C-alpha atoms as a PDB file:
ATOM      1  CA  UNK A   1     132.942  43.413  67.142  1.00  0.00           C
ATOM      2  CA  UNK A   2     132.970  44.075  70.837  1.00  0.00           C
ATOM      3  CA  UNK A   3     132.951  47.729  71.314  1.00  0.00           C
ATOM      4  CA  UNK A   4     136.039  49.661  73.709  1.00  0.00           C
ATOM      5  CA  UNK A   5     134.768  50.937  76.722  1.00  0.00           C
ATOM      6  CA  UNK A   6     134.454  54.603  76.800  1.00  0.00           C
ATOM      7  CA  UNK A   7     137.722  56.565  78.185  1.00  0.00           C
ATOM      8  CA  UNK A   8     140.469  58.740  78.057  1.00  0.00           C
ATOM      9  CA  UNK A   9     142.547  56.629  76.435  1.00  0.00           C
ATOM     10  CA  UNK A  10     140.685  54.957  73.863  1.00  0.00           C
ATOM     11  CA  UNK A  11     139.826  58.597  72.569  1.00  0.00           C
ATOM     12  CA  UNK A  12     143.502  59.089  72.347  1.00  0.00           C
ATOM     13  CA  UNK A  13     144.173  56.343  70.242  1.00  0.00           C
ATOM     14  CA  UNK A  14     140.708  58.435  68.110  1.00  0.00           C
ATOM     15  CA  UNK A  15     142.151  61.254  68.406  1.00  0.00           C
ATOM     16  CA  UNK A  16     146.335  61.118  68.025  1.00  0.00           C
ATOM     17  CA  UNK A  17     146.855  59.478  64.546  1.00  0.00           C
ATOM     18  CA  UNK A  18     143.916  62.596  62.898  1.00  0.00           C
ATOM     19  CA  UNK A  19     146.125  65.107  60.909  1.00  0.00           C
ATOM     20  CA  UNK A  20     145.229  68.880  60.442  1.00  0.00           C
ATOM     21  CA  UNK A  21     142.358  68.957  58.067  1.00  0.00           C
ATOM     22  CA  UNK A  22     143.343  70.242  54.914  1.00  0.00           C
ATOM     23  CA  UNK A  23     142.250  73.402  52.353  1.00  0.00           C
ATOM     24  CA  UNK A  24     139.836  76.427  54.193  1.00  0.00           C
ATOM     25  CA  UNK A  25     137.857  74.221  56.755  1.00  0.00           C
ATOM     26  CA  UNK A  26     136.425  77.751  58.816  1.00  0.00           C
ATOM     27  CA  UNK A  27     134.817  78.006  55.128  1.00  0.00           C
ATOM     28  CA  UNK A  28     133.256  75.113  54.930  1.00  0.00           C
ATOM     29  CA  UNK A  29     132.291  74.531  58.430  1.00  0.00           C
ATOM     30  CA  UNK A  30     130.402  77.955  58.393  1.00  0.00           C
ATOM     31  CA  UNK A  31     128.493  77.070  55.552  1.00  0.00           C
ATOM     32  CA  UNK A  32     126.826  74.216  57.083  1.00  0.00           C
ATOM     33  CA  UNK A  33     123.518  74.445  58.244  1.00  0.00           C
ATOM     34  CA  UNK A  34     123.748  72.787  61.498  1.00  0.00           C
ATOM     35  CA  UNK A  35     126.269  75.992  62.286  1.00  0.00           C
ATOM     36  CA  UNK A  36     124.039  78.623  60.689  1.00  0.00           C
ATOM     37  CA  UNK A  37     120.743  77.631  63.039  1.00  0.00           C
ATOM     38  CA  UNK A  38     123.100  77.791  65.940  1.00  0.00           C
ATOM     39  CA  UNK A  39     124.338  80.904  65.290  1.00  0.00           C
ATOM     40  CA  UNK A  40     121.040  82.154  64.834  1.00  0.00           C
ATOM     41  CA  UNK A  41     119.697  80.673  67.892  1.00  0.00           C
ATOM     42  CA  UNK A  42     122.390  82.561  69.727  1.00  0.00           C
ATOM     43  CA  UNK A  43     122.331  85.980  68.144  1.00  0.00           C
ATOM     44  CA  UNK A  44     118.187  85.364  68.888  1.00  0.00           C
ATOM     45  CA  UNK A  45     119.036  85.520  72.240  1.00  0.00           C
ATOM     46  CA  UNK A  46     122.005  87.473  72.867  1.00  0.00           C
ATOM     47  CA  UNK A  47     121.858  89.662  69.848  1.00  0.00           C
ATOM     48  CA  UNK A  48     125.531  89.136  68.895  1.00  0.00           C
ATOM     49  CA  UNK A  49     127.887  86.328  69.424  1.00  0.00           C
ATOM     50  CA  UNK A  50     130.325  88.640  70.137  1.00  0.00           C
ATOM     51  CA  UNK A  51     132.374  88.751  73.663  1.00  0.00           C
ATOM     52  CA  UNK A  52     130.254  85.592  74.433  1.00  0.00           C
ATOM     53  CA  UNK A  53     131.783  83.403  76.794  1.00  0.00           C
ATOM     54  CA  UNK A  54     131.350  79.923  75.077  1.00  0.00           C
ATOM     55  CA  UNK A  55     132.253  76.271  76.574  1.00  0.00           C
ATOM     56  CA  UNK A  56     132.585  73.657  74.535  1.00  0.00           C
ATOM     57  CA  UNK A  57     132.255  69.468  76.038  1.00  0.00           C
ATOM     58  CA  UNK A  58     133.742  66.274  74.773  1.00  0.00           C
ATOM     59  CA  UNK A  59     134.952  69.290  72.252  1.00  0.00           C
ATOM     60  CA  UNK A  60     137.366  66.774  70.005  1.00  0.00           C
ATOM     61  CA  UNK A  61     138.807  68.686  67.026  1.00  0.00           C
ATOM     62  CA  UNK A  62     136.865  71.807  69.123  1.00  0.00           C
ATOM     63  CA  UNK A  63     135.462  72.934  65.567  1.00  0.00           C
ATOM     64  CA  UNK A  64     132.380  74.785  66.605  1.00  0.00           C
ATOM     65  CA  UNK A  65     134.609  76.513  69.382  1.00  0.00           C
ATOM     66  CA  UNK A  66     136.613  77.399  66.630  1.00  0.00           C
ATOM     67  CA  UNK A  67     133.609  78.851  64.285  1.00  0.00           C
ATOM     68  CA  UNK A  68     132.506  80.830  67.329  1.00  0.00           C
ATOM     69  CA  UNK A  69     135.796  82.234  67.677  1.00  0.00           C
ATOM     70  CA  UNK A  70     135.734  83.271  64.683  1.00  0.00           C
ATOM     71  CA  UNK A  71     132.347  85.782  65.205  1.00  0.00           C
ATOM     72  CA  UNK A  72     134.086  87.086  68.648  1.00  0.00           C
ATOM     73  CA  UNK A  73     133.601  84.834  71.704  1.00  0.00           C
ATOM     74  CA  UNK A  74     135.673  83.774  73.670  1.00  0.00           C
ATOM     75  CA  UNK A  75     135.572  80.420  73.855  1.00  0.00           C
ATOM     76  CA  UNK A  76     136.443  77.320  76.724  1.00  0.00           C
ATOM     77  CA  UNK A  77     137.778  73.709  75.292  1.00  0.00           C
ATOM     78  CA  UNK A  78     137.020  71.172  77.345  1.00  0.00           C
ATOM     79  CA  UNK A  79     138.099  67.732  77.639  1.00  0.00           C
ATOM     80  CA  UNK A  80     139.634  64.983  78.963  1.00  0.00           C
ATOM     81  CA  UNK A  81     141.921  63.440  75.826  1.00  0.00           C
ATOM     82  CA  UNK A  82     145.320  64.714  75.434  1.00  0.00           C
ATOM     83  CA  UNK A  83     145.568  64.539  72.315  1.00  0.00           C
ATOM     84  CA  UNK A  84     141.975  66.110  71.408  1.00  0.00           C
ATOM     85  CA  UNK A  85     143.340  68.982  73.313  1.00  0.00           C
ATOM     86  CA  UNK A  86     146.463  69.115  71.199  1.00  0.00           C
ATOM     87  CA  UNK A  87     144.490  68.335  68.047  1.00  0.00           C
ATOM     88  CA  UNK A  88     142.532  71.486  69.176  1.00  0.00           C
ATOM     89  CA  UNK A  89     144.918  73.163  69.707  1.00  0.00           C
ATOM     90  CA  UNK A  90     147.129  73.080  66.509  1.00  0.00           C
ATOM     91  CA  UNK A  91     143.539  73.758  64.974  1.00  0.00           C
ATOM     92  CA  UNK A  92     143.346  76.937  66.590  1.00  0.00           C
ATOM     93  CA  UNK A  93     147.160  77.875  65.710  1.00  0.00           C
ATOM     94  CA  UNK A  94     146.766  77.317  62.599  1.00  0.00           C
ATOM     95  CA  UNK A  95     143.412  79.230  61.923  1.00  0.00           C
ATOM     96  CA  UNK A  96     145.154  82.047  64.591  1.00  0.00           C
ATOM     97  CA  UNK A  97     141.738  82.343  67.022  1.00  0.00           C
ATOM     98  CA  UNK A  98     142.683  81.877  70.913  1.00  0.00           C
ATOM     99  CA  UNK A  99     141.040  79.186  73.236  1.00  0.00           C
ATOM    100  CA  UNK A 100     141.106  78.463  76.782  1.00  0.00           C
ATOM    101  CA  UNK A 101     141.585  74.323  77.305  1.00  0.00           C
ATOM    102  CA  UNK A 102     140.211  72.244  80.316  1.00  0.00           C
ATOM    103  CA  UNK A 103     141.648  68.826  80.873  1.00  0.00           C
ATOM    104  CA  UNK A 104     138.307  67.837  82.982  1.00  0.00           C
ATOM    105  CA  UNK A 105     136.171  64.108  83.022  1.00  0.00           C
ATOM    106  CA  UNK A 106     132.974  66.452  81.985  1.00  0.00           C
ATOM    107  CA  UNK A 107     131.573  64.423  84.641  1.00  0.00           C
ATOM    108  CA  UNK A 108     133.756  65.603  87.569  1.00  0.00           C
ATOM    109  CA  UNK A 109     133.701  69.399  86.896  1.00  0.00           C
ATOM    110  CA  UNK A 110     135.618  71.913  88.912  1.00  0.00           C
ATOM    111  CA  UNK A 111     132.854  74.499  90.950  1.00  0.00           C
ATOM    112  CA  UNK A 112     135.752  76.658  90.404  1.00  0.00           C
ATOM    113  CA  UNK A 113     134.445  76.398  85.866  1.00  0.00           C
ATOM    114  CA  UNK A 114     130.262  76.176  87.156  1.00  0.00           C
ATOM    115  CA  UNK A 115     127.758  79.149  86.316  1.00  0.00           C
ATOM    116  CA  UNK A 116     130.427  80.734  83.984  1.00  0.00           C
ATOM    117  CA  UNK A 117     129.767  81.129  81.091  1.00  0.00           C
ATOM    118  CA  UNK A 118     126.676  82.114  78.442  1.00  0.00           C
ATOM    119  CA  UNK A 119     126.479  79.094  75.847  1.00  0.00           C
ATOM    120  CA  UNK A 120     127.595  75.434  76.976  1.00  0.00           C
ATOM    121  CA  UNK A 121     127.092  73.466  74.106  1.00  0.00           C
ATOM    122  CA  UNK A 122     128.558  69.575  72.537  1.00  0.00           C
ATOM    123  CA  UNK A 123     128.856  67.899  68.838  1.00  0.00           C
ATOM    124  CA  UNK A 124     128.490  64.418  69.713  1.00  0.00           C
ATOM    125  CA  UNK A 125     129.141  63.926  73.403  1.00  0.00           C
ATOM    126  CA  UNK A 126     126.477  63.020  75.350  1.00  0.00           C
ATOM    127  CA  UNK A 127     125.336  59.534  73.390  1.00  0.00           C
ATOM    128  CA  UNK A 128     128.491  58.388  74.745  1.00  0.00           C
ATOM    129  CA  UNK A 129     127.090  57.789  77.638  1.00  0.00           C
ATOM    130  CA  UNK A 130     124.462  55.509  79.674  1.00  0.00           C
ATOM    131  CA  UNK A 131     121.956  55.393  82.206  1.00  0.00           C
ATOM    132  CA  UNK A 132     122.227  57.572  84.992  1.00  0.00           C
ATOM    133  CA  UNK A 133     125.596  59.705  83.296  1.00  0.00           C
ATOM    134  CA  UNK A 134     123.402  60.104  80.529  1.00  0.00           C
ATOM    135  CA  UNK A 135     120.998  62.402  82.349  1.00  0.00           C
ATOM    136  CA  UNK A 136     123.882  63.590  84.979  1.00  0.00           C
ATOM    137  CA  UNK A 137     126.198  64.605  81.194  1.00  0.00           C
ATOM    138  CA  UNK A 138     123.505  66.842  80.162  1.00  0.00           C
ATOM    139  CA  UNK A 139     122.676  68.663  83.667  1.00  0.00           C
ATOM    140  CA  UNK A 140     126.222  69.422  82.943  1.00  0.00           C
ATOM    141  CA  UNK A 141     125.917  71.530  80.344  1.00  0.00           C
ATOM    142  CA  UNK A 142     122.721  73.863  82.442  1.00  0.00           C
ATOM    143  CA  UNK A 143     125.145  73.717  85.470  1.00  0.00           C
ATOM    144  CA  UNK A 144     128.266  75.604  83.721  1.00  0.00           C
ATOM    145  CA  UNK A 145     125.836  78.273  82.454  1.00  0.00           C
ATOM    146  CA  UNK A 146     125.062  81.656  83.913  1.00  0.00           C
ATOM    147  CA  UNK A 147     121.556  82.028  84.301  1.00  0.00           C
ATOM    148  CA  UNK A 148     120.911  83.525  81.329  1.00  0.00           C
ATOM    149  CA  UNK A 149     122.982  81.610  79.654  1.00  0.00           C
ATOM    150  CA  UNK A 150     121.663  78.598  76.914  1.00  0.00           C
ATOM    151  CA  UNK A 151     122.480  75.051  76.247  1.00  0.00           C
ATOM    152  CA  UNK A 152     122.873  73.606  73.014  1.00  0.00           C
ATOM    153  CA  UNK A 153     123.305  69.521  72.713  1.00  0.00           C
ATOM    154  CA  UNK A 154     123.485  67.561  69.556  1.00  0.00           C
ATOM    155  CA  UNK A 155     123.722  63.878  69.360  1.00  0.00           C
ATOM    156  CA  UNK A 156     123.226  61.117  66.730  1.00  0.00           C
ATOM    157  CA  UNK A 157     118.939  60.379  65.918  1.00  0.00           C
ATOM    158  CA  UNK A 158     118.271  57.288  66.185  1.00  0.00           C
ATOM    159  CA  UNK A 159     115.600  58.323  64.087  1.00  0.00           C
ATOM    160  CA  UNK A 160     117.318  58.191  60.586  1.00  0.00           C
ATOM    161  CA  UNK A 161     117.680  54.972  59.468  1.00  0.00           C
ATOM    162  CA  UNK A 162     120.372  55.620  57.581  1.00  0.00           C
ATOM    163  CA  UNK A 163     122.702  56.340  60.918  1.00  0.00           C
ATOM    164  CA  UNK A 164     120.888  52.931  61.972  1.00  0.00           C
ATOM    165  CA  UNK A 165     121.821  51.104  58.786  1.00  0.00           C
ATOM    166  CA  UNK A 166     125.747  52.671  59.068  1.00  0.00           C
ATOM    167  CA  UNK A 167     126.665  52.430  61.925  1.00  0.00           C
ATOM    168  CA  UNK A 168     125.155  48.580  62.583  1.00  0.00           C
ATOM    169  CA  UNK A 169     127.071  47.949  59.991  1.00  0.00           C
ATOM    170  CA  UNK A 170     129.920  49.591  61.031  1.00  0.00           C
ATOM    171  CA  UNK A 171     129.832  47.708  64.217  1.00  0.00           C
ATOM    172  CA  UNK A 172     129.404  43.916  62.449  1.00  0.00           C
ATOM    173  CA  UNK A 173     132.702  44.264  60.106  1.00  0.00           C
ATOM    174  CA  UNK A 174     134.998  45.664  61.944  1.00  0.00           C
ATOM    175  CA  UNK A 175     135.036  49.445  61.257  1.00  0.00           C
ATOM    176  CA  UNK A 176     133.759  51.023  64.372  1.00  0.00           C
ATOM    177  CA  UNK A 177     136.111  53.645  66.463  1.00  0.00           C
ATOM    178  CA  UNK A 178     133.884  55.659  68.294  1.00  0.00           C
ATOM    179  CA  UNK A 179     134.104  53.413  71.527  1.00  0.00           C
ATOM    180  CA  UNK A 180     130.255  53.292  72.912  1.00  0.00           C
ATOM    181  CA  UNK A 181     127.601  55.118  71.063  1.00  0.00           C
ATOM    182  CA  UNK A 182     124.246  55.447  71.987  1.00  0.00           C
ATOM    183  CA  UNK A 183     121.526  57.796  69.939  1.00  0.00           C
ATOM    184  CA  UNK A 184     118.882  60.312  71.276  1.00  0.00           C
ATOM    185  CA  UNK A 185     115.509  60.142  69.901  1.00  0.00           C
ATOM    186  CA  UNK A 186     114.117  63.709  70.844  1.00  0.00           C
ATOM    187  CA  UNK A 187     111.342  61.885  73.137  1.00  0.00           C
ATOM    188  CA  UNK A 188     114.047  61.320  75.479  1.00  0.00           C
ATOM    189  CA  UNK A 189     116.000  64.440  75.234  1.00  0.00           C
ATOM    190  CA  UNK A 190     111.707  66.109  76.665  1.00  0.00           C
ATOM    191  CA  UNK A 191     111.712  62.747  79.200  1.00  0.00           C
ATOM    192  CA  UNK A 192     115.530  64.094  80.411  1.00  0.00           C
ATOM    193  CA  UNK A 193     114.424  68.025  80.799  1.00  0.00           C
ATOM    194  CA  UNK A 194     111.184  66.707  82.335  1.00  0.00           C
ATOM    195  CA  UNK A 195     113.798  65.845  85.245  1.00  0.00           C
ATOM    196  CA  UNK A 196     115.909  68.446  84.820  1.00  0.00           C
ATOM    197  CA  UNK A 197     112.718  70.556  85.066  1.00  0.00           C
ATOM    198  CA  UNK A 198     114.360  72.056  81.550  1.00  0.00           C
ATOM    199  CA  UNK A 199     112.815  72.572  77.916  1.00  0.00           C
ATOM    200  CA  UNK A 200     114.487  71.729  75.513  1.00  0.00           C
ATOM    201  CA  UNK A 201     113.530  72.924  71.615  1.00  0.00           C
ATOM    202  CA  UNK A 202     114.609  70.696  68.269  1.00  0.00           C
ATOM    203  CA  UNK A 203     116.753  72.142  65.174  1.00  0.00           C
ATOM    204  CA  UNK A 204     119.362  69.557  63.479  1.00  0.00           C
ATOM    205  CA  UNK A 205     121.828  69.463  60.732  1.00  0.00           C
ATOM    206  CA  UNK A 206     120.540  68.323  57.252  1.00  0.00           C
ATOM    207  CA  UNK A 207     118.210  65.114  56.301  1.00  0.00           C
ATOM    208  CA  UNK A 208     119.767  64.197  53.313  1.00  0.00           C
ATOM    209  CA  UNK A 209     123.048  63.704  54.798  1.00  0.00           C
ATOM    210  CA  UNK A 210     124.652  60.460  54.070  1.00  0.00           C
ATOM    211  CA  UNK A 211     127.543  58.829  55.596  1.00  0.00           C
ATOM    212  CA  UNK A 212     128.215  56.511  53.195  1.00  0.00           C
ATOM    213  CA  UNK A 213     129.389  59.470  51.425  1.00  0.00           C
ATOM    214  CA  UNK A 214     128.017  57.837  48.042  1.00  0.00           C
ATOM    215  CA  UNK A 215     127.560  60.964  45.860  1.00  0.00           C
ATOM    216  CA  UNK A 216     131.566  61.304  46.514  1.00  0.00           C
ATOM    217  CA  UNK A 217     132.312  57.859  46.237  1.00  0.00           C
ATOM    218  CA  UNK A 218     130.230  57.885  42.318  1.00  0.00           C
ATOM    219  CA  UNK A 219     132.281  61.578  41.540  1.00  0.00           C
ATOM    220  CA  UNK A 220     135.337  60.635  42.479  1.00  0.00           C
ATOM    221  CA  UNK A 221     135.625  57.191  40.900  1.00  0.00           C
ATOM    222  CA  UNK A 222     134.435  58.637  37.536  1.00  0.00           C
ATOM    223  CA  UNK A 223     136.599  61.153  38.356  1.00  0.00           C
ATOM    224  CA  UNK A 224     134.363  63.736  38.695  1.00  0.00           C
ATOM    225  CA  UNK A 225     135.180  66.858  40.836  1.00  0.00           C
ATOM    226  CA  UNK A 226     133.969  66.139  44.362  1.00  0.00           C
ATOM    227  CA  UNK A 227     133.311  69.572  45.634  1.00  0.00           C
ATOM    228  CA  UNK A 228     130.941  69.545  47.903  1.00  0.00           C
ATOM    229  CA  UNK A 229     127.537  70.741  47.250  1.00  0.00           C
ATOM    230  CA  UNK A 230     125.023  73.050  49.536  1.00  0.00           C
ATOM    231  CA  UNK A 231     123.000  71.175  52.148  1.00  0.00           C
ATOM    232  CA  UNK A 232     119.791  71.836  51.947  1.00  0.00           C
ATOM    233  CA  UNK A 233     117.405  71.828  55.070  1.00  0.00           C
ATOM    234  CA  UNK A 234     113.238  71.089  55.925  1.00  0.00           C
ATOM    235  CA  UNK A 235     111.520  71.121  58.762  1.00  0.00           C
ATOM    236  CA  UNK A 236     111.919  68.015  59.187  1.00  0.00           C
ATOM    237  CA  UNK A 237     115.879  67.351  59.943  1.00  0.00           C
ATOM    238  CA  UNK A 238     114.962  68.799  63.671  1.00  0.00           C
ATOM    239  CA  UNK A 239     113.377  64.876  63.678  1.00  0.00           C
ATOM    240  CA  UNK A 240     114.902  63.081  61.407  1.00  0.00           C
ATOM    241  CA  UNK A 241     118.026  64.695  60.463  1.00  0.00           C
ATOM    242  CA  UNK A 242     121.001  62.053  60.561  1.00  0.00           C
ATOM    243  CA  UNK A 243     122.501  64.490  64.089  1.00  0.00           C
ATOM    244  CA  UNK A 244     119.617  66.358  65.791  1.00  0.00           C
ATOM    245  CA  UNK A 245     120.434  69.504  68.379  1.00  0.00           C
ATOM    246  CA  UNK A 246     118.070  69.845  71.379  1.00  0.00           C
ATOM    247  CA  UNK A 247     118.833  73.682  72.874  1.00  0.00           C
ATOM    248  CA  UNK A 248     117.422  75.010  75.772  1.00  0.00           C
ATOM    249  CA  UNK A 249     117.087  78.975  76.508  1.00  0.00           C
END
């Protein structure tokens, strides 16, 4: 399958068919390991989330910004897809939280937004770039934060075998819908950190993440309750989870 080059049109097509999530998304997402770890890192640095200015780059639905807004942060959503921004606005309205929305290419940030935020973050954005743009999108995070700010970047992990298998099979059978995607490894972030003269630390989601949703599929097949079990975290998550996060404080 030929992968479509990333562009606003590609992402508009991805997001325009998405509907508002059912159930209490806010509650379920707050219980996930990745957000718990993000929250812990932010509080360790700033003492509190309340009144922090945060920006989410290539935000899509802006889920993590919504979670931070529920903790008292002043959040900004940045994306170059109209469909993504419109969907994010609807989600924020559903949960009655406020956000600022910016439609702009993350590689062409207006100088007005530089050095304005306490936290610059992204979740599944940086992996859609290659070459010099790959380093540039990481640098964009640092350009947006204050001198005392922090960066949190979550990406798919090329060291996670299930992710690699799932992505390759999806592409082979024509089921891959996320444009170009080139996973990172922690070693690549260390290399980029040296270029940018920044030090990265690592955390992650859970190593037990299953992109094939095997357990849920089996439960549904036999008619069992598909309620999500609590995620399990281990010390290996920072290096081998399906999604790992590189952060700089």
